[in-house]
Amino acid sequence: MTFSPDPRKNPTAAPLVKTFRDNGIEPEGYVLYTYAAIQVFAEAANAAKSTKLPDLLKVLHSKKFDTVLGELSFDKKGDVTLPGYVWYIWKDGKYDYVN
């Protein structure tokens, strides 16, 4: 199967993953993707000094953002440049990257 890379394996996310796990939460599924979206929103709002959509869009289209997923930006169409896709294999009730 294909899906985005597992953000828990990203070294940048390691401190946050540890914090979640220390609190009894496994940050699986969309947890870290949602966290990254909030990071981008917060940074854009701070840079724009506004939460109005036109102000946010100017910032979103003009810079790169450091997130738990890695460096993230948006292309000319507004599509996110991360995270891409990888191949996974499901075996014995678990999944991991295809090597």
PDB file of N, CA and C in Angstrom:
ATOM      1  N   MET A   1       0.846  -1.172   0.000  1.00  0.00           N
ATOM      2  CA  MET A   1       0.000   0.000   0.000  1.00  0.00           C
ATOM      3  C   MET A   1       0.886   1.228   0.000  1.00  0.00           C
ATOM      4  N   THR A   2       0.325   2.367  -0.363  1.00  0.00           N
ATOM      5  CA  THR A   2       1.070   3.620  -0.313  1.00  0.00           C
ATOM      6  C   THR A   2       0.394   4.567   0.670  1.00  0.00           C
ATOM      7  N   PHE A   3       1.196   5.394   1.275  1.00  0.00           N
ATOM      8  CA  PHE A   3       0.720   6.424   2.187  1.00  0.00           C
ATOM      9  C   PHE A   3       1.891   7.370   2.418  1.00  0.00           C
ATOM     10  N   SER A   4       1.643   8.430   3.117  1.00  0.00           N
ATOM     11  CA  SER A   4       2.717   9.363   3.461  1.00  0.00           C
ATOM     12  C   SER A   4       3.720   8.693   4.394  1.00  0.00           C
ATOM     13  N   PRO A   5       4.961   9.183   4.431  1.00  0.00           N
ATOM     14  CA  PRO A   5       5.939   8.627   5.362  1.00  0.00           C
ATOM     15  C   PRO A   5       5.451   8.745   6.802  1.00  0.00           C
ATOM     16  N   ASP A   6       5.802   7.775   7.615  1.00  0.00           N
ATOM     17  CA  ASP A   6       5.409   7.778   9.027  1.00  0.00           C
ATOM     18  C   ASP A   6       6.178   8.881   9.742  1.00  0.00           C
ATOM     19  N   PRO A   7       5.496   9.959  10.159  1.00  0.00           N
ATOM     20  CA  PRO A   7       6.213  11.065  10.775  1.00  0.00           C
ATOM     21  C   PRO A   7       6.873  10.709  12.105  1.00  0.00           C
ATOM     22  N   ARG A   8       6.453   9.606  12.720  1.00  0.00           N
ATOM     23  CA  ARG A   8       7.091   9.184  13.967  1.00  0.00           C
ATOM     24  C   ARG A   8       8.538   8.772  13.735  1.00  0.00           C
ATOM     25  N   LYS A   9       8.888   8.457  12.479  1.00  0.00           N
ATOM     26  CA  LYS A   9      10.250   8.058  12.138  1.00  0.00           C
ATOM     27  C   LYS A   9      11.132   9.244  11.767  1.00  0.00           C
ATOM     28  N   ASN A  10      10.548  10.424  11.712  1.00  0.00           N
ATOM     29  CA  ASN A  10      11.299  11.631  11.365  1.00  0.00           C
ATOM     30  C   ASN A  10      12.082  12.084  12.592  1.00  0.00           C
ATOM     31  N   PRO A  11      13.409  12.183  12.501  1.00  0.00           N
ATOM     32  CA  PRO A  11      14.200  12.622  13.659  1.00  0.00           C
ATOM     33  C   PRO A  11      13.767  13.973  14.226  1.00  0.00           C
ATOM     34  N   THR A  12      13.267  14.846  13.365  1.00  0.00           N
ATOM     35  CA  THR A  12      12.787  16.150  13.824  1.00  0.00           C
ATOM     36  C   THR A  12      11.624  16.003  14.801  1.00  0.00           C
ATOM     37  N   ALA A  13      10.827  14.972  14.619  1.00  0.00           N
ATOM     38  CA  ALA A  13       9.645  14.761  15.458  1.00  0.00           C
ATOM     39  C   ALA A  13       9.943  13.989  16.736  1.00  0.00           C
ATOM     40  N   ALA A  14      11.147  13.468  16.881  1.00  0.00           N
ATOM     41  CA  ALA A  14      11.471  12.588  18.017  1.00  0.00           C
ATOM     42  C   ALA A  14      11.132  13.188  19.384  1.00  0.00           C
ATOM     43  N   PRO A  15      11.471  14.440  19.669  1.00  0.00           N
ATOM     44  CA  PRO A  15      11.117  14.980  20.992  1.00  0.00           C
ATOM     45  C   PRO A  15       9.606  15.031  21.231  1.00  0.00           C
ATOM     46  N   LEU A  16       8.860  15.396  20.208  1.00  0.00           N
ATOM     47  CA  LEU A  16       7.405  15.448  20.352  1.00  0.00           C
ATOM     48  C   LEU A  16       6.809  14.046  20.490  1.00  0.00           C
ATOM     49  N   VAL A  17       7.304  13.110  19.701  1.00  0.00           N
ATOM     50  CA  VAL A  17       6.844  11.721  19.805  1.00  0.00           C
ATOM     51  C   VAL A  17       7.094  11.209  21.219  1.00  0.00           C
ATOM     52  N   LYS A  18       8.252  11.501  21.765  1.00  0.00           N
ATOM     53  CA  LYS A  18       8.567  11.080  23.138  1.00  0.00           C
ATOM     54  C   LYS A  18       7.586  11.699  24.131  1.00  0.00           C
ATOM     55  N   THR A  19       7.276  12.971  23.962  1.00  0.00           N
ATOM     56  CA  THR A  19       6.329  13.639  24.858  1.00  0.00           C
ATOM     57  C   THR A  19       4.970  12.959  24.805  1.00  0.00           C
ATOM     58  N   PHE A  20       4.490  12.683  23.600  1.00  0.00           N
ATOM     59  CA  PHE A  20       3.215  11.971  23.475  1.00  0.00           C
ATOM     60  C   PHE A  20       3.280  10.618  24.176  1.00  0.00           C
ATOM     61  N   ARG A  21       4.308   9.845  23.873  1.00  0.00           N
ATOM     62  CA  ARG A  21       4.417   8.501  24.446  1.00  0.00           C
ATOM     63  C   ARG A  21       4.569   8.538  25.967  1.00  0.00           C
ATOM     64  N   ASP A  22       5.311   9.517  26.475  1.00  0.00           N
ATOM     65  CA  ASP A  22       5.452   9.669  27.930  1.00  0.00           C
ATOM     66  C   ASP A  22       4.109   9.945  28.607  1.00  0.00           C
ATOM     67  N   ASN A  23       3.165  10.465  27.830  1.00  0.00           N
ATOM     68  CA  ASN A  23       1.829  10.753  28.352  1.00  0.00           C
ATOM     69  C   ASN A  23       0.815   9.684  27.962  1.00  0.00           C
ATOM     70  N   GLY A  24       1.323   8.530  27.517  1.00  0.00           N
ATOM     71  CA  GLY A  24       0.459   7.396  27.210  1.00  0.00           C
ATOM     72  C   GLY A  24      -0.306   7.503  25.909  1.00  0.00           C
ATOM     73  N   ILE A  25       0.180   8.343  24.999  1.00  0.00           N
ATOM     74  CA  ILE A  25      -0.485   8.528  23.708  1.00  0.00           C
ATOM     75  C   ILE A  25       0.460   8.104  22.594  1.00  0.00           C
ATOM     76  N   GLU A  26       0.004   7.207  21.741  1.00  0.00           N
ATOM     77  CA  GLU A  26       0.793   6.838  20.562  1.00  0.00           C
ATOM     78  C   GLU A  26       0.373   7.787  19.427  1.00  0.00           C
ATOM     79  N   PRO A  27       1.269   8.639  18.947  1.00  0.00           N
ATOM     80  CA  PRO A  27       0.905   9.625  17.926  1.00  0.00           C
ATOM     81  C   PRO A  27       0.833   9.018  16.523  1.00  0.00           C
ATOM     82  N   GLU A  28      -0.141   8.158  16.344  1.00  0.00           N
ATOM     83  CA  GLU A  28      -0.278   7.474  15.061  1.00  0.00           C
ATOM     84  C   GLU A  28      -1.326   8.168  14.195  1.00  0.00           C
ATOM     85  N   GLY A  29      -1.492   7.674  12.990  1.00  0.00           N
ATOM     86  CA  GLY A  29      -2.490   8.245  12.090  1.00  0.00           C
ATOM     87  C   GLY A  29      -2.157   9.674  11.733  1.00  0.00           C
ATOM     88  N   TYR A  30      -3.123  10.552  11.931  1.00  0.00           N
ATOM     89  CA  TYR A  30      -2.964  11.941  11.517  1.00  0.00           C
ATOM     90  C   TYR A  30      -2.536  12.874  12.643  1.00  0.00           C
ATOM     91  N   VAL A  31      -2.155  12.347  13.789  1.00  0.00           N
ATOM     92  CA  VAL A  31      -1.802  13.187  14.935  1.00  0.00           C
ATOM     93  C   VAL A  31      -0.691  14.179  14.587  1.00  0.00           C
ATOM     94  N   LEU A  32       0.417  13.698  14.070  1.00  0.00           N
ATOM     95  CA  LEU A  32       1.542  14.589  13.786  1.00  0.00           C
ATOM     96  C   LEU A  32       1.303  15.452  12.550  1.00  0.00           C
ATOM     97  N   TYR A  33       0.484  14.980  11.616  1.00  0.00           N
ATOM     98  CA  TYR A  33       0.126  15.814  10.470  1.00  0.00           C
ATOM     99  C   TYR A  33      -0.716  16.999  10.942  1.00  0.00           C
ATOM    100  N   THR A  34      -1.625  16.744  11.860  1.00  0.00           N
ATOM    101  CA  THR A  34      -2.443  17.814  12.429  1.00  0.00           C
ATOM    102  C   THR A  34      -1.575  18.781  13.223  1.00  0.00           C
ATOM    103  N   TYR A  35      -0.644  18.240  13.981  1.00  0.00           N
ATOM    104  CA  TYR A  35       0.276  19.086  14.750  1.00  0.00           C
ATOM    105  C   TYR A  35       1.050  20.012  13.810  1.00  0.00           C
ATOM    106  N   ALA A  36       1.518  19.461  12.683  1.00  0.00           N
ATOM    107  CA  ALA A  36       2.266  20.270  11.707  1.00  0.00           C
ATOM    108  C   ALA A  36       1.374  21.361  11.115  1.00  0.00           C
ATOM    109  N   ALA A  37       0.122  21.039  10.844  1.00  0.00           N
ATOM    110  CA  ALA A  37      -0.797  22.041  10.298  1.00  0.00           C
ATOM    111  C   ALA A  37      -0.972  23.197  11.274  1.00  0.00           C
ATOM    112  N   ILE A  38      -1.067  22.881  12.558  1.00  0.00           N
ATOM    113  CA  ILE A  38      -1.208  23.928  13.564  1.00  0.00           C
ATOM    114  C   ILE A  38       0.083  24.733  13.684  1.00  0.00           C
ATOM    115  N   GLN A  39       1.232  24.063  13.562  1.00  0.00           N
ATOM    116  CA  GLN A  39       2.503  24.790  13.571  1.00  0.00           C
ATOM    117  C   GLN A  39       2.549  25.807  12.436  1.00  0.00           C
ATOM    118  N   VAL A  40       2.152  25.381  11.244  1.00  0.00           N
ATOM    119  CA  VAL A  40       2.171  26.265  10.077  1.00  0.00           C
ATOM    120  C   VAL A  40       1.207  27.425  10.289  1.00  0.00           C
ATOM    121  N   PHE A  41      -0.008  27.126  10.744  1.00  0.00           N
ATOM    122  CA  PHE A  41      -0.984  28.187  10.981  1.00  0.00           C
ATOM    123  C   PHE A  41      -0.455  29.199  11.995  1.00  0.00           C
ATOM    124  N   ALA A  42       0.070  28.715  13.107  1.00  0.00           N
ATOM    125  CA  ALA A  42       0.561  29.615  14.159  1.00  0.00           C
ATOM    126  C   ALA A  42       1.705  30.486  13.641  1.00  0.00           C
ATOM    127  N   GLU A  43       2.637  29.889  12.919  1.00  0.00           N
ATOM    128  CA  GLU A  43       3.764  30.667  12.404  1.00  0.00           C
ATOM    129  C   GLU A  43       3.298  31.695  11.372  1.00  0.00           C
ATOM    130  N   ALA A  44       2.361  31.285  10.508  1.00  0.00           N
ATOM    131  CA  ALA A  44       1.845  32.215   9.503  1.00  0.00           C
ATOM    132  C   ALA A  44       1.078  33.360  10.157  1.00  0.00           C
ATOM    133  N   ALA A  45       0.265  33.055  11.165  1.00  0.00           N
ATOM    134  CA  ALA A  45      -0.499  34.088  11.863  1.00  0.00           C
ATOM    135  C   ALA A  45       0.435  35.055  12.586  1.00  0.00           C
ATOM    136  N   ASN A  46       1.477  34.534  13.200  1.00  0.00           N
ATOM    137  CA  ASN A  46       2.452  35.403  13.870  1.00  0.00           C
ATOM    138  C   ASN A  46       3.181  36.294  12.871  1.00  0.00           C
ATOM    139  N   ALA A  47       3.591  35.716  11.745  1.00  0.00           N
ATOM    140  CA  ALA A  47       4.304  36.496  10.730  1.00  0.00           C
ATOM    141  C   ALA A  47       3.395  37.557  10.105  1.00  0.00           C
ATOM    142  N   ALA A  48       2.117  37.198   9.895  1.00  0.00           N
ATOM    143  CA  ALA A  48       1.171  38.130   9.288  1.00  0.00           C
ATOM    144  C   ALA A  48       0.609  39.119  10.303  1.00  0.00           C
ATOM    145  N   LYS A  49       0.789  38.783  11.582  1.00  0.00           N
ATOM    146  CA  LYS A  49       0.180  39.567  12.663  1.00  0.00           C
ATOM    147  C   LYS A  49      -1.335  39.683  12.449  1.00  0.00           C
ATOM    148  N   SER A  50      -1.900  38.561  11.948  1.00  0.00           N
ATOM    149  CA  SER A  50      -3.318  38.539  11.607  1.00  0.00           C
ATOM    150  C   SER A  50      -3.773  37.093  11.440  1.00  0.00           C
ATOM    151  N   THR A  51      -5.062  36.869  11.583  1.00  0.00           N
ATOM    152  CA  THR A  51      -5.630  35.560  11.251  1.00  0.00           C
ATOM    153  C   THR A  51      -6.612  35.685  10.089  1.00  0.00           C
ATOM    154  N   LYS A  52      -6.595  36.824   9.419  1.00  0.00           N
ATOM    155  CA  LYS A  52      -7.460  37.009   8.255  1.00  0.00           C
ATOM    156  C   LYS A  52      -6.873  36.243   7.075  1.00  0.00           C
ATOM    157  N   LEU A  53      -7.751  35.561   6.341  1.00  0.00           N
ATOM    158  CA  LEU A  53      -7.318  34.681   5.261  1.00  0.00           C
ATOM    159  C   LEU A  53      -6.385  35.356   4.253  1.00  0.00           C
ATOM    160  N   PRO A  54      -6.685  36.543   3.731  1.00  0.00           N
ATOM    161  CA  PRO A  54      -5.763  37.145   2.758  1.00  0.00           C
ATOM    162  C   PRO A  54      -4.359  37.369   3.329  1.00  0.00           C
ATOM    163  N   ASP A  55      -4.287  37.759   4.594  1.00  0.00           N
ATOM    164  CA  ASP A  55      -2.989  37.974   5.240  1.00  0.00           C
ATOM    165  C   ASP A  55      -2.245  36.655   5.420  1.00  0.00           C
ATOM    166  N   LEU A  56      -2.977  35.631   5.838  1.00  0.00           N
ATOM    167  CA  LEU A  56      -2.362  34.313   6.019  1.00  0.00           C
ATOM    168  C   LEU A  56      -1.866  33.754   4.697  1.00  0.00           C
ATOM    169  N   LEU A  57      -2.665  33.893   3.649  1.00  0.00           N
ATOM    170  CA  LEU A  57      -2.275  33.353   2.343  1.00  0.00           C
ATOM    171  C   LEU A  57      -0.989  33.976   1.827  1.00  0.00           C
ATOM    172  N   LYS A  58      -0.804  35.261   2.042  1.00  0.00           N
ATOM    173  CA  LYS A  58       0.441  35.917   1.609  1.00  0.00           C
ATOM    174  C   LYS A  58       1.643  35.246   2.263  1.00  0.00           C
ATOM    175  N   VAL A  59       1.545  34.976   3.557  1.00  0.00           N
ATOM    176  CA  VAL A  59       2.653  34.340   4.280  1.00  0.00           C
ATOM    177  C   VAL A  59       2.796  32.884   3.849  1.00  0.00           C
ATOM    178  N   LEU A  60       1.684  32.174   3.756  1.00  0.00           N
ATOM    179  CA  LEU A  60       1.742  30.754   3.387  1.00  0.00           C
ATOM    180  C   LEU A  60       2.407  30.536   2.037  1.00  0.00           C
ATOM    181  N   HIS A  61       2.203  31.447   1.112  1.00  0.00           N
ATOM    182  CA  HIS A  61       2.769  31.304  -0.231  1.00  0.00           C
ATOM    183  C   HIS A  61       4.163  31.904  -0.367  1.00  0.00           C
ATOM    184  N   SER A  62       4.685  32.495   0.706  1.00  0.00           N
ATOM    185  CA  SER A  62       5.959  33.193   0.560  1.00  0.00           C
ATOM    186  C   SER A  62       7.106  32.611   1.370  1.00  0.00           C
ATOM    187  N   LYS A  63       6.844  31.595   2.187  1.00  0.00           N
ATOM    188  CA  LYS A  63       7.942  31.096   3.012  1.00  0.00           C
ATOM    189  C   LYS A  63       7.860  29.601   3.242  1.00  0.00           C
ATOM    190  N   LYS A  64       8.907  29.083   3.856  1.00  0.00           N
ATOM    191  CA  LYS A  64       8.968  27.676   4.259  1.00  0.00           C
ATOM    192  C   LYS A  64       8.777  27.611   5.756  1.00  0.00           C
ATOM    193  N   PHE A  65       8.224  26.502   6.220  1.00  0.00           N
ATOM    194  CA  PHE A  65       7.901  26.333   7.629  1.00  0.00           C
ATOM    195  C   PHE A  65       8.594  25.081   8.167  1.00  0.00           C
ATOM    196  N   ASP A  66       9.237  25.212   9.323  1.00  0.00           N
ATOM    197  CA  ASP A  66       9.833  24.058   9.987  1.00  0.00           C
ATOM    198  C   ASP A  66       8.753  23.406  10.841  1.00  0.00           C
ATOM    199  N   THR A  67       8.484  22.133  10.566  1.00  0.00           N
ATOM    200  CA  THR A  67       7.431  21.409  11.277  1.00  0.00           C
ATOM    201  C   THR A  67       7.936  20.055  11.742  1.00  0.00           C
ATOM    202  N   VAL A  68       7.100  19.338  12.459  1.00  0.00           N
ATOM    203  CA  VAL A  68       7.464  17.986  12.886  1.00  0.00           C
ATOM    204  C   VAL A  68       7.571  17.037  11.698  1.00  0.00           C
ATOM    205  N   LEU A  69       7.058  17.437  10.549  1.00  0.00           N
ATOM    206  CA  LEU A  69       7.179  16.625   9.338  1.00  0.00           C
ATOM    207  C   LEU A  69       8.441  16.959   8.568  1.00  0.00           C
ATOM    208  N   GLY A  70       9.076  18.046   8.918  1.00  0.00           N
ATOM    209  CA  GLY A  70      10.228  18.556   8.181  1.00  0.00           C
ATOM    210  C   GLY A  70       9.872  19.912   7.601  1.00  0.00           C
ATOM    211  N   GLU A  71      10.722  20.402   6.716  1.00  0.00           N
ATOM    212  CA  GLU A  71      10.482  21.714   6.114  1.00  0.00           C
ATOM    213  C   GLU A  71       9.337  21.609   5.120  1.00  0.00           C
ATOM    214  N   LEU A  72       8.361  22.465   5.289  1.00  0.00           N
ATOM    215  CA  LEU A  72       7.133  22.400   4.508  1.00  0.00           C
ATOM    216  C   LEU A  72       6.889  23.745   3.837  1.00  0.00           C
ATOM    217  N   SER A  73       6.436  23.693   2.595  1.00  0.00           N
ATOM    218  CA  SER A  73       6.037  24.912   1.885  1.00  0.00           C
ATOM    219  C   SER A  73       4.894  24.541   0.952  1.00  0.00           C
ATOM    220  N   PHE A  74       4.433  25.532   0.208  1.00  0.00           N
ATOM    221  CA  PHE A  74       3.320  25.323  -0.711  1.00  0.00           C
ATOM    222  C   PHE A  74       3.757  25.709  -2.113  1.00  0.00           C
ATOM    223  N   ASP A  75       3.320  24.929  -3.116  1.00  0.00           N
ATOM    224  CA  ASP A  75       3.694  25.238  -4.491  1.00  0.00           C
ATOM    225  C   ASP A  75       2.774  26.326  -5.054  1.00  0.00           C
ATOM    226  N   LYS A  76       2.947  26.642  -6.324  1.00  0.00           N
ATOM    227  CA  LYS A  76       2.182  27.726  -6.954  1.00  0.00           C
ATOM    228  C   LYS A  76       0.682  27.459  -6.946  1.00  0.00           C
ATOM    229  N   LYS A  77       0.284  26.182  -6.954  1.00  0.00           N
ATOM    230  CA  LYS A  77      -1.142  25.839  -6.919  1.00  0.00           C
ATOM    231  C   LYS A  77      -1.694  25.820  -5.502  1.00  0.00           C
ATOM    232  N   GLY A  78      -0.811  25.942  -4.510  1.00  0.00           N
ATOM    233  CA  GLY A  78      -1.251  25.886  -3.117  1.00  0.00           C
ATOM    234  C   GLY A  78      -1.170  24.503  -2.517  1.00  0.00           C
ATOM    235  N   ASP A  79      -0.622  23.546  -3.268  1.00  0.00           N
ATOM    236  CA  ASP A  79      -0.452  22.190  -2.746  1.00  0.00           C
ATOM    237  C   ASP A  79       0.767  22.132  -1.854  1.00  0.00           C
ATOM    238  N   VAL A  80       0.673  21.372  -0.792  1.00  0.00           N
ATOM    239  CA  VAL A  80       1.773  21.225   0.142  1.00  0.00           C
ATOM    240  C   VAL A  80       2.903  20.424  -0.513  1.00  0.00           C
ATOM    241  N   THR A  81       4.145  20.794  -0.223  1.00  0.00           N
ATOM    242  CA  THR A  81       5.299  20.118  -0.821  1.00  0.00           C
ATOM    243  C   THR A  81       5.700  18.864  -0.061  1.00  0.00           C
ATOM    244  N   LEU A  82       5.123  18.659   1.090  1.00  0.00           N
ATOM    245  CA  LEU A  82       5.367  17.453   1.880  1.00  0.00           C
ATOM    246  C   LEU A  82       4.044  16.786   2.134  1.00  0.00           C
ATOM    247  N   PRO A  83       3.985  15.562   2.461  1.00  0.00           N
ATOM    248  CA  PRO A  83       5.092  14.706   2.813  1.00  0.00           C
ATOM    249  C   PRO A  83       5.505  13.740   1.734  1.00  0.00           C
ATOM    250  N   GLY A  84       4.834  13.654   0.607  1.00  0.00           N
ATOM    251  CA  GLY A  84       5.184  12.657  -0.394  1.00  0.00           C
ATOM    252  C   GLY A  84       4.553  11.322  -0.032  1.00  0.00           C
ATOM    253  N   TYR A  85       4.967  10.281  -0.723  1.00  0.00           N
ATOM    254  CA  TYR A  85       4.407   8.952  -0.476  1.00  0.00           C
ATOM    255  C   TYR A  85       5.508   7.914  -0.445  1.00  0.00           C
ATOM    256  N   VAL A  86       5.273   6.857   0.285  1.00  0.00           N
ATOM    257  CA  VAL A  86       6.183   5.714   0.345  1.00  0.00           C
ATOM    258  C   VAL A  86       5.360   4.445   0.209  1.00  0.00           C
ATOM    259  N   TRP A  87       6.050   3.359  -0.059  1.00  0.00           N
ATOM    260  CA  TRP A  87       5.403   2.042  -0.120  1.00  0.00           C
ATOM    261  C   TRP A  87       5.506   1.370   1.241  1.00  0.00           C
ATOM    262  N   TYR A  88       4.415   0.743   1.644  1.00  0.00           N
ATOM    263  CA  TYR A  88       4.364  -0.028   2.888  1.00  0.00           C
ATOM    264  C   TYR A  88       4.010  -1.466   2.576  1.00  0.00           C
ATOM    265  N   ILE A  89       4.406  -2.347   3.485  1.00  0.00           N
ATOM    266  CA  ILE A  89       3.986  -3.739   3.437  1.00  0.00           C
ATOM    267  C   ILE A  89       3.305  -4.070   4.762  1.00  0.00           C
ATOM    268  N   TRP A  90       2.213  -4.794   4.682  1.00  0.00           N
ATOM    269  CA  TRP A  90       1.468  -5.231   5.866  1.00  0.00           C
ATOM    270  C   TRP A  90       1.809  -6.699   6.076  1.00  0.00           C
ATOM    271  N   LYS A  91       2.362  -7.012   7.259  1.00  0.00           N
ATOM    272  CA  LYS A  91       2.772  -8.388   7.525  1.00  0.00           C
ATOM    273  C   LYS A  91       2.636  -8.666   9.010  1.00  0.00           C
ATOM    274  N   ASP A  92       2.026  -9.791   9.336  1.00  0.00           N
ATOM    275  CA  ASP A  92       1.868 -10.231  10.727  1.00  0.00           C
ATOM    276  C   ASP A  92       1.213  -9.157  11.604  1.00  0.00           C
ATOM    277  N   GLY A  93       0.210  -8.472  11.059  1.00  0.00           N
ATOM    278  CA  GLY A  93      -0.531  -7.487  11.827  1.00  0.00           C
ATOM    279  C   GLY A  93       0.162  -6.150  12.003  1.00  0.00           C
ATOM    280  N   LYS A  94       1.276  -5.942  11.316  1.00  0.00           N
ATOM    281  CA  LYS A  94       2.012  -4.682  11.422  1.00  0.00           C
ATOM    282  C   LYS A  94       2.381  -4.192  10.028  1.00  0.00           C
ATOM    283  N   TYR A  95       2.658  -2.911   9.935  1.00  0.00           N
ATOM    284  CA  TYR A  95       3.085  -2.359   8.653  1.00  0.00           C
ATOM    285  C   TYR A  95       4.401  -1.610   8.830  1.00  0.00           C
ATOM    286  N   ASP A  96       5.175  -1.558   7.750  1.00  0.00           N
ATOM    287  CA  ASP A  96       6.428  -0.814   7.749  1.00  0.00           C
ATOM    288  C   ASP A  96       6.786  -0.534   6.298  1.00  0.00           C
ATOM    289  N   TYR A  97       7.791   0.291   6.101  1.00  0.00           N
ATOM    290  CA  TYR A  97       8.231   0.630   4.765  1.00  0.00           C
ATOM    291  C   TYR A  97       8.716  -0.614   4.023  1.00  0.00           C
ATOM    292  N   VAL A  98       8.498  -0.608   2.719  1.00  0.00           N
ATOM    293  CA  VAL A  98       9.065  -1.660   1.866  1.00  0.00           C
ATOM    294  C   VAL A  98      10.520  -1.282   1.635  1.00  0.00           C
ATOM    295  N   ASN A  99      11.420  -2.196   1.872  1.00  0.00           N
ATOM    296  CA  ASN A  99      12.849  -1.932   1.650  1.00  0.00           C
ATOM    297  C   ASN A  99      13.289  -2.409   0.296  1.00  0.00           C
TER     298      ASN A  99
END
